[in-house]
C-alpha atoms as a PDB file:
ATOM      1  CA  MET A   1     126.586  84.727  88.243  1.00  0.00           C
ATOM      2  CA  SER A   2     123.273  86.590  87.343  1.00  0.00           C
ATOM      3  CA  ALA A   3     121.741  88.545  90.256  1.00  0.00           C
ATOM      4  CA  PRO A   4     118.111  86.588  90.885  1.00  0.00           C
ATOM      5  CA  GLN A   5     114.925  88.505  90.819  1.00  0.00           C
ATOM      6  CA  ILE A   6     113.222  88.800  94.671  1.00  0.00           C
ATOM      7  CA  PRO A   7     109.809  87.230  94.208  1.00  0.00           C
ATOM      8  CA  VAL A   8     107.733  89.740  96.678  1.00  0.00           C
ATOM      9  CA  ILE A   9     105.417  87.980  98.242  1.00  0.00           C
ATOM     10  CA  LEU A  10     104.550  90.397 100.848  1.00  0.00           C
ATOM     11  CA  SER A  11     104.581  94.266  99.886  1.00  0.00           C
ATOM     12  CA  SER A  12     106.113  96.876 101.876  1.00  0.00           C
ATOM     13  CA  SER A  13     103.744  99.297 101.423  1.00  0.00           C
ATOM     14  CA  PRO A  14     101.984 101.616 104.252  1.00  0.00           C
ATOM     15  CA  SER A  15      98.668  99.208 104.206  1.00  0.00           C
ATOM     16  CA  SER A  16     101.064  96.492 104.927  1.00  0.00           C
ATOM     17  CA  ALA A  17     102.712  98.759 107.543  1.00  0.00           C
ATOM     18  CA  ALA A  18      99.926  99.631 109.117  1.00  0.00           C
ATOM     19  CA  THR A  19      98.917  95.993 110.517  1.00  0.00           C
ATOM     20  CA  ILE A  20     102.262  96.329 112.080  1.00  0.00           C
ATOM     21  CA  GLY A  21     101.952  99.252 114.072  1.00  0.00           C
ATOM     22  CA  ARG A  22     103.802 102.076 114.865  1.00  0.00           C
ATOM     23  CA  ASP A  23     105.482 100.591 118.071  1.00  0.00           C
ATOM     24  CA  LEU A  24     106.578  97.306 116.904  1.00  0.00           C
ATOM     25  CA  MET A  25     108.351  98.862 113.686  1.00  0.00           C
ATOM     26  CA  ARG A  26     110.450 101.159 116.136  1.00  0.00           C
ATOM     27  CA  ARG A  27     111.345  98.018 118.922  1.00  0.00           C
ATOM     28  CA  THR A  28     112.681  96.365 115.905  1.00  0.00           C
ATOM     29  CA  LEU A  29     114.878  99.115 114.107  1.00  0.00           C
ATOM     30  CA  ARG A  30     116.259  99.850 117.598  1.00  0.00           C
ATOM     31  CA  MET A  31     117.197  96.170 118.198  1.00  0.00           C
ATOM     32  CA  MET A  32     118.546  95.958 114.366  1.00  0.00           C
ATOM     33  CA  ILE A  33     120.570  98.873 115.126  1.00  0.00           C
ATOM     34  CA  LEU A  34     121.948  97.415 118.522  1.00  0.00           C
ATOM     35  CA  SER A  35     122.585  94.193 116.875  1.00  0.00           C
ATOM     36  CA  ARG A  36     124.749  95.687 114.127  1.00  0.00           C
ATOM     37  CA  THR A  37     126.611  98.037 116.352  1.00  0.00           C
ATOM     38  CA  LEU A  38     127.695  95.254 118.733  1.00  0.00           C
ATOM     39  CA  GLU A  39     128.537  93.196 115.680  1.00  0.00           C
ATOM     40  CA  SER A  40     130.523  96.173 114.749  1.00  0.00           C
ATOM     41  CA  LYS A  41     132.595  96.083 117.848  1.00  0.00           C
ATOM     42  CA  LEU A  42     133.284  92.482 118.047  1.00  0.00           C
ATOM     43  CA  ALA A  43     134.828  92.501 114.203  1.00  0.00           C
ATOM     44  CA  SER A  44     136.975  95.372 115.911  1.00  0.00           C
ATOM     45  CA  LEU A  45     137.975  93.144 118.885  1.00  0.00           C
ATOM     46  CA  TYR A  46     138.654  90.336 116.806  1.00  0.00           C
ATOM     47  CA  LYS A  47     140.904  91.789 114.227  1.00  0.00           C
ATOM     48  CA  ALA A  48     142.950  93.505 117.180  1.00  0.00           C
ATOM     49  CA  GLY A  49     143.451  89.950 118.332  1.00  0.00           C
ATOM     50  CA  LYS A  50     141.224  90.339 121.226  1.00  0.00           C
ATOM     51  CA  ILE A  51     138.939  87.488 120.515  1.00  0.00           C
ATOM     52  CA  VAL A  52     140.031  83.924 120.392  1.00  0.00           C
ATOM     53  CA  GLY A  53     138.191  82.138 117.639  1.00  0.00           C
ATOM     54  CA  GLY A  54     135.847  82.847 115.330  1.00  0.00           C
ATOM     55  CA  VAL A  55     133.202  86.039 114.662  1.00  0.00           C
ATOM     56  CA  TYR A  56     130.187  85.567 112.722  1.00  0.00           C
ATOM     57  CA  LEU A  57     128.188  88.497 111.936  1.00  0.00           C
ATOM     58  CA  GLY A  58     124.224  89.030 110.429  1.00  0.00           C
ATOM     59  CA  THR A  59     125.323  91.852 108.711  1.00  0.00           C
ATOM     60  CA  GLY A  60     122.578  92.368 106.202  1.00  0.00           C
ATOM     61  CA  GLN A  61     119.931  90.184 108.233  1.00  0.00           C
ATOM     62  CA  GLU A  62     119.130  91.883 111.173  1.00  0.00           C
ATOM     63  CA  ALA A  63     115.699  92.757 110.086  1.00  0.00           C
ATOM     64  CA  PHE A  64     114.448  89.221 109.133  1.00  0.00           C
ATOM     65  CA  SER A  65     116.111  88.007 112.503  1.00  0.00           C
ATOM     66  CA  GLY A  66     115.331  91.086 114.614  1.00  0.00           C
ATOM     67  CA  SER A  67     111.815  90.899 113.313  1.00  0.00           C
ATOM     68  CA  LEU A  68     111.516  87.092 114.836  1.00  0.00           C
ATOM     69  CA  GLY A  69     112.851  87.750 118.405  1.00  0.00           C
ATOM     70  CA  CYS A  70     110.305  90.833 118.375  1.00  0.00           C
ATOM     71  CA  LEU A  71     107.017  89.072 117.223  1.00  0.00           C
ATOM     72  CA  LEU A  72     107.602  85.829 119.904  1.00  0.00           C
ATOM     73  CA  ASP A  73     106.785  86.111 123.376  1.00  0.00           C
ATOM     74  CA  GLN A  74     109.531  86.245 125.711  1.00  0.00           C
ATOM     75  CA  ASP A  75     107.413  84.527 128.456  1.00  0.00           C
ATOM     76  CA  ARG A  76     106.675  81.296 126.863  1.00  0.00           C
ATOM     77  CA  ASP A  77     107.874  80.747 123.209  1.00  0.00           C
ATOM     78  CA  ILE A  78     110.966  79.251 122.565  1.00  0.00           C
ATOM     79  CA  PHE A  79     113.890  80.309 120.239  1.00  0.00           C
ATOM     80  CA  ALA A  80     117.020  78.619 119.186  1.00  0.00           C
ATOM     81  CA  PRO A  81     119.001  80.956 117.041  1.00  0.00           C
ATOM     82  CA  LEU A  82     121.585  80.530 114.771  1.00  0.00           C
ATOM     83  CA  ILE A  83     125.400  82.453 114.263  1.00  0.00           C
ATOM     84  CA  ARG A  84     123.974  85.212 112.554  1.00  0.00           C
ATOM     85  CA  ASP A  85     120.941  85.868 114.733  1.00  0.00           C
ATOM     86  CA  GLN A  86     122.411  88.188 117.004  1.00  0.00           C
ATOM     87  CA  ALA A  87     119.972  90.674 115.933  1.00  0.00           C
ATOM     88  CA  GLY A  88     116.819  88.130 117.274  1.00  0.00           C
ATOM     89  CA  ARG A  89     118.905  87.039 120.270  1.00  0.00           C
ATOM     90  CA  THR A  90     118.759  90.956 121.525  1.00  0.00           C
ATOM     91  CA  ALA A  91     114.942  91.197 120.305  1.00  0.00           C
ATOM     92  CA  PHE A  92     114.415  88.098 122.379  1.00  0.00           C
ATOM     93  CA  GLY A  93     115.700  89.490 125.784  1.00  0.00           C
ATOM     94  CA  GLU A  94     119.463  88.384 125.526  1.00  0.00           C
ATOM     95  CA  GLU A  95     121.469  90.566 127.131  1.00  0.00           C
ATOM     96  CA  LEU A  96     124.397  92.281 125.795  1.00  0.00           C
ATOM     97  CA  ILE A  97     127.168  91.272 128.624  1.00  0.00           C
ATOM     98  CA  ASP A  98     125.936  87.691 127.663  1.00  0.00           C
ATOM     99  CA  ALA A  99     127.654  88.397 124.063  1.00  0.00           C
ATOM    100  CA  THR A 100     130.731  90.601 125.222  1.00  0.00           C
ATOM    101  CA  ARG A 101     131.310  87.999 128.049  1.00  0.00           C
ATOM    102  CA  THR A 102     130.902  84.685 125.984  1.00  0.00           C
ATOM    103  CA  HIS A 103     132.966  86.695 122.878  1.00  0.00           C
ATOM    104  CA  LEU A 104     135.594  87.714 125.287  1.00  0.00           C
ATOM    105  CA  GLY A 105     136.090  84.202 127.470  1.00  0.00           C
ATOM    106  CA  SER A 106     134.906  85.669 130.696  1.00  0.00           C
ATOM    107  CA  ALA A 107     133.649  82.924 133.605  1.00  0.00           C
ATOM    108  CA  GLN A 108     130.970  85.080 134.265  1.00  0.00           C
ATOM    109  CA  GLY A 109     129.426  84.459 130.747  1.00  0.00           C
ATOM    110  CA  PRO A 110     126.164  82.691 129.968  1.00  0.00           C
ATOM    111  CA  MET A 111     128.553  79.253 128.981  1.00  0.00           C
ATOM    112  CA  ARG A 112     131.521  80.245 131.628  1.00  0.00           C
ATOM    113  CA  GLY A 113     133.769  80.796 129.293  1.00  0.00           C
ATOM    114  CA  ARG A 114     134.331  77.274 128.549  1.00  0.00           C
ATOM    115  CA  ASP A 115     132.388  77.126 124.868  1.00  0.00           C
ATOM    116  CA  GLY A 116     132.790  79.223 121.390  1.00  0.00           C
ATOM    117  CA  ASN A 117     131.519  82.337 120.502  1.00  0.00           C
ATOM    118  CA  ILE A 118     128.548  81.736 119.074  1.00  0.00           C
ATOM    119  CA  HIS A 119     127.220  78.700 120.937  1.00  0.00           C
ATOM    120  CA  ARG A 120     125.868  80.608 124.002  1.00  0.00           C
ATOM    121  CA  GLY A 121     122.253  80.310 124.968  1.00  0.00           C
ATOM    122  CA  ARG A 122     120.136  80.255 128.236  1.00  0.00           C
ATOM    123  CA  PRO A 123     117.959  76.907 128.108  1.00  0.00           C
ATOM    124  CA  SER A 124     115.874  77.798 131.593  1.00  0.00           C
ATOM    125  CA  GLU A 125     115.251  80.920 129.491  1.00  0.00           C
ATOM    126  CA  ARG A 126     114.045  79.224 126.320  1.00  0.00           C
ATOM    127  CA  ARG A 127     116.883  80.148 124.370  1.00  0.00           C
ATOM    128  CA  PRO A 128     118.892  76.549 123.561  1.00  0.00           C
ATOM    129  CA  ALA A 129     122.635  77.052 122.672  1.00  0.00           C
ATOM    130  CA  MET A 130     123.530  77.134 118.939  1.00  0.00           C
ATOM    131  CA  ILE A 131     124.328  74.042 117.047  1.00  0.00           C
ATOM    132  CA  SER A 132     126.932  74.181 114.162  1.00  0.00           C
ATOM    133  CA  HIS A 133     125.527  71.511 112.880  1.00  0.00           C
ATOM    134  CA  LEU A 134     123.296  73.586 111.403  1.00  0.00           C
ATOM    135  CA  GLY A 135     119.854  72.281 110.576  1.00  0.00           C
ATOM    136  CA  SER A 136     119.836  69.970 114.287  1.00  0.00           C
ATOM    137  CA  ALA A 137     117.882  73.212 116.044  1.00  0.00           C
ATOM    138  CA  VAL A 138     114.819  72.011 113.825  1.00  0.00           C
ATOM    139  CA  SER A 139     114.479  68.617 115.830  1.00  0.00           C
ATOM    140  CA  VAL A 140     115.875  70.306 118.899  1.00  0.00           C
ATOM    141  CA  VAL A 141     112.897  72.417 119.285  1.00  0.00           C
ATOM    142  CA  ALA A 142     110.164  69.836 117.418  1.00  0.00           C
ATOM    143  CA  GLY A 143     111.195  67.762 120.648  1.00  0.00           C
ATOM    144  CA  MET A 144     110.996  71.019 123.143  1.00  0.00           C
ATOM    145  CA  LEU A 145     107.376  71.365 121.848  1.00  0.00           C
ATOM    146  CA  ILE A 146     106.709  67.584 122.176  1.00  0.00           C
ATOM    147  CA  ALA A 147     108.001  68.104 125.627  1.00  0.00           C
ATOM    148  CA  ARG A 148     105.783  70.741 125.972  1.00  0.00           C
ATOM    149  CA  ARG A 149     102.913  68.680 124.600  1.00  0.00           C
ATOM    150  CA  MET A 150     102.971  65.563 126.749  1.00  0.00           C
ATOM    151  CA  GLN A 151     103.390  68.330 130.043  1.00  0.00           C
ATOM    152  CA  GLY A 152     100.588  69.648 128.734  1.00  0.00           C
ATOM    153  CA  SER A 153     101.581  73.099 128.173  1.00  0.00           C
ATOM    154  CA  LEU A 154     101.733  73.919 125.032  1.00  0.00           C
ATOM    155  CA  THR A 155      98.749  75.704 124.314  1.00  0.00           C
ATOM    156  CA  GLY A 156      99.948  79.461 122.682  1.00  0.00           C
ATOM    157  CA  VAL A 157     103.187  78.485 122.790  1.00  0.00           C
ATOM    158  CA  VAL A 158     105.247  78.906 119.414  1.00  0.00           C
ATOM    159  CA  GLY A 159     108.944  77.214 118.755  1.00  0.00           C
ATOM    160  CA  ALA A 160     111.212  79.104 116.029  1.00  0.00           C
ATOM    161  CA  THR A 161     114.283  78.820 114.683  1.00  0.00           C
ATOM    162  CA  CYS A 162     116.618  79.950 111.989  1.00  0.00           C
ATOM    163  CA  VAL A 163     118.601  78.554 109.330  1.00  0.00           C
ATOM    164  CA  GLY A 164     120.494  79.221 106.201  1.00  0.00           C
ATOM    165  CA  ASP A 165     119.995  78.023 102.634  1.00  0.00           C
ATOM    166  CA  GLY A 166     122.710  75.761 102.974  1.00  0.00           C
ATOM    167  CA  ALA A 167     121.168  74.354 106.072  1.00  0.00           C
ATOM    168  CA  THR A 168     118.045  73.246 104.074  1.00  0.00           C
ATOM    169  CA  SER A 169     120.147  70.644 102.490  1.00  0.00           C
ATOM    170  CA  THR A 170     121.277  68.591 105.435  1.00  0.00           C
ATOM    171  CA  GLY A 171     119.669  65.412 106.664  1.00  0.00           C
ATOM    172  CA  ALA A 172     118.344  67.189 110.184  1.00  0.00           C
ATOM    173  CA  PHE A 173     116.630  69.605 108.480  1.00  0.00           C
ATOM    174  CA  HIS A 174     114.480  67.440 106.516  1.00  0.00           C
ATOM    175  CA  GLU A 175     113.923  64.926 109.253  1.00  0.00           C
ATOM    176  CA  GLY A 176     113.313  67.641 111.714  1.00  0.00           C
ATOM    177  CA  LEU A 177     110.786  69.415 109.558  1.00  0.00           C
ATOM    178  CA  ASN A 178     108.865  65.773 108.585  1.00  0.00           C
ATOM    179  CA  LEU A 179     108.665  65.356 112.349  1.00  0.00           C
ATOM    180  CA  ALA A 180     107.107  68.757 112.936  1.00  0.00           C
ATOM    181  CA  ALA A 181     104.809  68.041 110.171  1.00  0.00           C
ATOM    182  CA  VAL A 182     103.517  65.054 111.255  1.00  0.00           C
ATOM    183  CA  GLU A 183     102.831  66.047 114.672  1.00  0.00           C
ATOM    184  CA  LYS A 184     101.411  69.338 113.595  1.00  0.00           C
ATOM    185  CA  LEU A 185     104.144  71.390 116.014  1.00  0.00           C
ATOM    186  CA  PRO A 186     103.438  75.052 116.303  1.00  0.00           C
ATOM    187  CA  LEU A 187     106.981  75.808 114.827  1.00  0.00           C
ATOM    188  CA  VAL A 188     107.786  78.803 112.903  1.00  0.00           C
ATOM    189  CA  ILE A 189     111.329  78.292 110.322  1.00  0.00           C
ATOM    190  CA  LEU A 190     113.431  81.315 109.340  1.00  0.00           C
ATOM    191  CA  VAL A 191     115.219  80.574 106.385  1.00  0.00           C
ATOM    192  CA  ALA A 192     117.552  83.076 105.326  1.00  0.00           C
ATOM    193  CA  ASP A 193     118.113  82.544 101.672  1.00  0.00           C
ATOM    194  CA  ASN A 194     121.661  84.565 101.437  1.00  0.00           C
ATOM    195  CA  GLN A 195     122.389  82.928  98.300  1.00  0.00           C
ATOM    196  CA  PHE A 196     125.261  81.000  99.759  1.00  0.00           C
ATOM    197  CA  ALA A 197     126.422  78.271 101.747  1.00  0.00           C
ATOM    198  CA  TYR A 198     129.587  79.604 103.068  1.00  0.00           C
ATOM    199  CA  SER A 199     130.862  80.079  99.333  1.00  0.00           C
ATOM    200  CA  THR A 200     128.646  77.628  97.618  1.00  0.00           C
ATOM    201  CA  PRO A 201     126.136  79.108  95.414  1.00  0.00           C
ATOM    202  CA  ARG A 202     122.590  78.197  96.045  1.00  0.00           C
ATOM    203  CA  GLU A 203     122.589  76.795  92.181  1.00  0.00           C
ATOM    204  CA  ARG A 204     124.775  74.407  93.331  1.00  0.00           C
ATOM    205  CA  GLN A 205     122.948  73.081  96.597  1.00  0.00           C
ATOM    206  CA  PHE A 206     119.476  72.437  94.821  1.00  0.00           C
ATOM    207  CA  ALA A 207     117.504  72.832  91.561  1.00  0.00           C
ATOM    208  CA  CYS A 208     113.566  73.666  92.819  1.00  0.00           C
ATOM    209  CA  ASN A 209     112.592  76.999  91.921  1.00  0.00           C
ATOM    210  CA  SER A 210     112.055  77.913  95.719  1.00  0.00           C
ATOM    211  CA  LEU A 211     112.933  76.545  99.250  1.00  0.00           C
ATOM    212  CA  LEU A 212     109.387  76.830  99.406  1.00  0.00           C
ATOM    213  CA  ASP A 213     109.001  73.978  97.386  1.00  0.00           C
ATOM    214  CA  ARG A 214     110.676  72.029 100.337  1.00  0.00           C
ATOM    215  CA  ALA A 215     108.065  73.142 103.082  1.00  0.00           C
ATOM    216  CA  ALA A 216     105.537  72.301 100.409  1.00  0.00           C
ATOM    217  CA  GLY A 217     106.663  68.617 100.145  1.00  0.00           C
ATOM    218  CA  TYR A 218     106.076  68.261 103.546  1.00  0.00           C
ATOM    219  CA  GLY A 219     102.812  69.438 103.590  1.00  0.00           C
ATOM    220  CA  VAL A 220     104.325  73.037 105.548  1.00  0.00           C
ATOM    221  CA  GLY A 221     102.661  76.360 104.864  1.00  0.00           C
ATOM    222  CA  GLY A 222     105.285  78.572 103.512  1.00  0.00           C
ATOM    223  CA  ILE A 223     105.680  82.388 102.532  1.00  0.00           C
ATOM    224  CA  GLU A 224     108.673  84.233 100.869  1.00  0.00           C
ATOM    225  CA  ILE A 225     109.420  87.741 101.723  1.00  0.00           C
ATOM    226  CA  ASP A 226     111.995  90.613 100.544  1.00  0.00           C
ATOM    227  CA  ALA A 227     114.136  90.253 103.516  1.00  0.00           C
ATOM    228  CA  THR A 228     115.651  93.636 103.066  1.00  0.00           C
ATOM    229  CA  SER A 229     112.920  95.355 104.096  1.00  0.00           C
ATOM    230  CA  LEU A 230     111.566  96.099 107.808  1.00  0.00           C
ATOM    231  CA  VAL A 231     107.866  95.939 106.598  1.00  0.00           C
ATOM    232  CA  SER A 232     107.961  92.887 104.847  1.00  0.00           C
ATOM    233  CA  CYS A 233     110.105  91.114 107.111  1.00  0.00           C
ATOM    234  CA  LEU A 234     107.493  91.945 110.181  1.00  0.00           C
ATOM    235  CA  THR A 235     104.358  91.289 107.950  1.00  0.00           C
ATOM    236  CA  GLY A 236     105.428  88.021 106.657  1.00  0.00           C
ATOM    237  CA  ILE A 237     107.113  86.502 109.797  1.00  0.00           C
ATOM    238  CA  GLN A 238     103.632  88.250 111.976  1.00  0.00           C
ATOM    239  CA  THR A 239     101.990  85.689 109.564  1.00  0.00           C
ATOM    240  CA  ALA A 240     103.630  82.513 109.782  1.00  0.00           C
ATOM    241  CA  VAL A 241     103.747  83.138 113.963  1.00  0.00           C
ATOM    242  CA  ASN A 242      99.874  83.897 113.929  1.00  0.00           C
ATOM    243  CA  ALA A 243      99.367  80.964 111.881  1.00  0.00           C
ATOM    244  CA  ALA A 244     101.589  78.647 113.931  1.00  0.00           C
ATOM    245  CA  ARG A 245     100.477  79.954 117.602  1.00  0.00           C
ATOM    246  CA  SER A 246      96.776  79.232 116.319  1.00  0.00           C
ATOM    247  CA  GLY A 247      97.080  75.297 115.623  1.00  0.00           C
ATOM    248  CA  ASN A 248      98.024  75.129 112.003  1.00  0.00           C
ATOM    249  CA  GLY A 249     101.242  73.377 112.281  1.00  0.00           C
ATOM    250  CA  PRO A 250     104.664  74.406 111.453  1.00  0.00           C
ATOM    251  CA  GLN A 251     105.440  77.341 108.744  1.00  0.00           C
ATOM    252  CA  MET A 252     108.371  78.159 107.180  1.00  0.00           C
ATOM    253  CA  VAL A 253     109.265  81.763 105.970  1.00  0.00           C
ATOM    254  CA  VAL A 254     112.014  82.145 103.289  1.00  0.00           C
ATOM    255  CA  GLY A 255     113.671  85.596 103.492  1.00  0.00           C
ATOM    256  CA  ARG A 256     115.415  86.310 100.136  1.00  0.00           C
ATOM    257  CA  LEU A 257     118.710  88.554 100.665  1.00  0.00           C
ATOM    258  CA  LEU A 258     122.223  88.753 100.688  1.00  0.00           C
ATOM    259  CA  ARG A 259     125.019  88.388 103.391  1.00  0.00           C
ATOM    260  CA  LEU A 260     126.723  91.698 103.356  1.00  0.00           C
ATOM    261  CA  CYS A 261     129.600  90.109 104.791  1.00  0.00           C
ATOM    262  CA  GLY A 262     132.548  86.874 104.291  1.00  0.00           C
ATOM    263  CA  HIS A 263     131.198  83.706 106.312  1.00  0.00           C
ATOM    264  CA  GLY A 264     133.136  84.725 108.979  1.00  0.00           C
ATOM    265  CA  GLU A 265     135.244  87.981 109.630  1.00  0.00           C
ATOM    266  CA  HIS A 266     138.363  85.399 108.224  1.00  0.00           C
ATOM    267  CA  ASP A 267     136.473  85.352 105.041  1.00  0.00           C
ATOM    268  CA  ASP A 268     136.727  88.273 102.268  1.00  0.00           C
ATOM    269  CA  GLY A 269     133.590  86.961 100.694  1.00  0.00           C
ATOM    270  CA  SER A 270     135.315  87.722  97.014  1.00  0.00           C
ATOM    271  CA  TYR A 271     133.335  84.781  95.612  1.00  0.00           C
ATOM    272  CA  VAL A 272     130.302  87.318  95.544  1.00  0.00           C
ATOM    273  CA  ALA A 273     130.175  88.512  92.243  1.00  0.00           C
ATOM    274  CA  PRO A 274     129.726  92.298  92.013  1.00  0.00           C
ATOM    275  CA  GLU A 275     126.489  92.099  89.671  1.00  0.00           C
ATOM    276  CA  LEU A 276     124.626  90.325  93.205  1.00  0.00           C
ATOM    277  CA  LYS A 277     126.321  92.924  95.442  1.00  0.00           C
ATOM    278  CA  ASN A 278     124.484  95.556  93.354  1.00  0.00           C
ATOM    279  CA  SER A 279     121.318  93.816  92.734  1.00  0.00           C
ATOM    280  CA  LEU A 280     118.145  94.071  95.259  1.00  0.00           C
ATOM    281  CA  LEU A 281     119.525  91.626  97.372  1.00  0.00           C
ATOM    282  CA  GLY A 282     122.570  93.646  98.224  1.00  0.00           C
ATOM    283  CA  ARG A 283     120.470  96.215  99.741  1.00  0.00           C
ATOM    284  CA  ASP A 284     121.246  96.712 103.078  1.00  0.00           C
ATOM    285  CA  CYS A 285     118.229  96.174 105.451  1.00  0.00           C
ATOM    286  CA  VAL A 286     119.480  98.749 108.280  1.00  0.00           C
ATOM    287  CA  GLU A 287     119.821 101.637 105.815  1.00  0.00           C
ATOM    288  CA  ASN A 288     116.308 100.497 104.485  1.00  0.00           C
ATOM    289  CA  GLY A 289     114.482 100.359 107.643  1.00  0.00           C
ATOM    290  CA  LYS A 290     115.512 103.830 108.351  1.00  0.00           C
ATOM    291  CA  VAL A 291     114.311 104.857 105.449  1.00  0.00           C
ATOM    292  CA  GLU A 292     111.204 102.977 105.860  1.00  0.00           C
ATOM    293  CA  LEU A 293     110.096 104.497 109.355  1.00  0.00           C
ATOM    294  CA  ILE A 294     110.833 107.758 108.093  1.00  0.00           C
ATOM    295  CA  GLU A 295     108.544 107.490 105.222  1.00  0.00           C
ATOM    296  CA  LEU A 296     105.796 105.846 107.439  1.00  0.00           C
ATOM    297  CA  GLY A 297     106.446 109.422 110.170  1.00  0.00           C
ATOM    298  CA  TYR A 298     107.086 106.432 112.734  1.00  0.00           C
ATOM    299  CA  ALA A 299     110.630 108.392 113.515  1.00  0.00           C
ATOM    300  CA  THR A 300     112.599 111.086 112.434  1.00  0.00           C
ATOM    301  CA  ALA A 301     116.192 111.016 111.498  1.00  0.00           C
ATOM    302  CA  ALA A 302     117.048 113.034 114.842  1.00  0.00           C
ATOM    303  CA  GLU A 303     115.504 110.377 116.799  1.00  0.00           C
ATOM    304  CA  ILE A 304     117.233 107.672 114.645  1.00  0.00           C
ATOM    305  CA  GLU A 305     120.523 109.093 115.233  1.00  0.00           C
ATOM    306  CA  SER A 306     119.785 109.198 119.014  1.00  0.00           C
ATOM    307  CA  TRP A 307     118.843 105.189 119.004  1.00  0.00           C
ATOM    308  CA  GLN A 308     122.655 104.874 117.462  1.00  0.00           C
ATOM    309  CA  GLU A 309     124.351 106.888 119.695  1.00  0.00           C
ATOM    310  CA  GLU A 310     122.631 105.028 122.502  1.00  0.00           C
ATOM    311  CA  ALA A 311     122.977 101.642 121.211  1.00  0.00           C
ATOM    312  CA  SER A 312     126.991 103.123 121.403  1.00  0.00           C
ATOM    313  CA  GLU A 313     127.300 103.609 124.831  1.00  0.00           C
ATOM    314  CA  GLN A 314     125.567 100.220 125.827  1.00  0.00           C
ATOM    315  CA  VAL A 315     127.771  98.179 123.732  1.00  0.00           C
ATOM    316  CA  GLN A 316     130.996 100.047 125.290  1.00  0.00           C
ATOM    317  CA  GLU A 317     129.427  99.510 128.682  1.00  0.00           C
ATOM    318  CA  ALA A 318     129.088  95.721 128.196  1.00  0.00           C
ATOM    319  CA  VAL A 319     132.558  95.370 126.369  1.00  0.00           C
ATOM    320  CA  ALA A 320     134.135  97.127 129.055  1.00  0.00           C
ATOM    321  CA  ILE A 321     132.798  94.612 132.172  1.00  0.00           C
ATOM    322  CA  ALA A 322     133.521  92.110 130.213  1.00  0.00           C
ATOM    323  CA  GLN A 323     137.077  92.734 129.277  1.00  0.00           C
ATOM    324  CA  LYS A 324     137.653  92.962 133.249  1.00  0.00           C
ATOM    325  CA  GLU A 325     136.642  89.618 133.779  1.00  0.00           C
ATOM    326  CA  ASN A 326     138.946  86.574 134.061  1.00  0.00           C
ATOM    327  CA  GLY A 327     138.098  83.956 132.083  1.00  0.00           C
ATOM    328  CA  PRO A 328     137.736  80.153 133.578  1.00  0.00           C
ATOM    329  CA  ASP A 329     140.265  78.522 135.972  1.00  0.00           C
ATOM    330  CA  PRO A 330     141.181  74.964 135.454  1.00  0.00           C
ATOM    331  CA  TYR A 331     142.078  73.948 138.394  1.00  0.00           C
ATOM    332  CA  CYS A 332     139.144  75.357 140.576  1.00  0.00           C
ATOM    333  CA  GLU A 333     136.708  74.833 138.210  1.00  0.00           C
ATOM    334  CA  ASP A 334     133.652  72.705 139.066  1.00  0.00           C
ATOM    335  CA  TRP A 335     133.014  70.884 135.405  1.00  0.00           C
ATOM    336  CA  ARG A 336     129.431  69.993 135.499  1.00  0.00           C
ATOM    337  CA  ALA A 337     127.146  69.769 132.610  1.00  0.00           C
ATOM    338  CA  VAL A 338     124.978  72.950 131.522  1.00  0.00           C
ATOM    339  CA  SER A 339     122.017  70.757 132.583  1.00  0.00           C
ATOM    340  CA  THR A 340     123.017  70.323 136.014  1.00  0.00           C
ATOM    341  CA  PRO A 341     120.363  72.269 138.739  1.00  0.00           C
ATOM    342  CA  GLY A 342     121.699  75.449 139.529  1.00  0.00           C
ATOM    343  CA  MET A 343     123.320  76.061 135.789  1.00  0.00           C
ATOM    344  CA  GLN A 344     121.652  78.241 133.362  1.00  0.00           C
END
């Protein structure tokens, strides 16, 4: 497989960084580092047999997901993350303990130890749980936005979700996107074009030159970015969020990158060609982000090292708490639905 070129629609120049600002770039990189640290620990726990079920990592997608989480308003926006969106979850306010409790089956977690590791959420905080039927969250978020409109509380609200390139081949994605376009909903869809739908390469999924063609087909605004660059991610996603919030209807951001791990920890990713791994798509966004901040004078190497140490301490604490907690007891549990009053 030949390594595809990255069509960088937004450059990662210093002028682009100036529109983002120092504080936002620093916060986003910290969320990326925290997410990478957490997921590395979860992978170790999985390999040690401490986690039942699958573990799916967002390695290589932290800049794309984390930028969205940092650019959304936690007090009013809606965010439906996918399996590789730990960085976005963390940036949007999910506490580390929610992640560790869910993966370790604690009854004190947001899903009370009843559901799979990635199917966690807090609907009352506008974070619906992830749906394994990929693409479905597009219509879910669209429905939540329509509900807000019917309640008269949609003004200034943005709904967002993330999908992979494989999800854009599902009927749910197209139906949800069409609905959002017709209703002119303030929906932002991030498409992580990570080159594979599990092990199926993109040329076996679709024949269009760019996934932006799918947005254009529904009258949806779109932009394609180099998702290995933190500056490019923040600039592009900020443009999309602002456009949706300003009443310009749904927006799609396609991020060109490579998943730097297997589909899950059970998959070695041996189907990824070496030339693809060594291409521009295979660059590590976390390492790139560090370089970008240092070159811009927004952080020092010593500061970034301290962030990594702090992240390690936070993750260790969250894991230690969750490991001491009990799982659900089927003999005394109250098996009510999540939507029942009093539940999260």
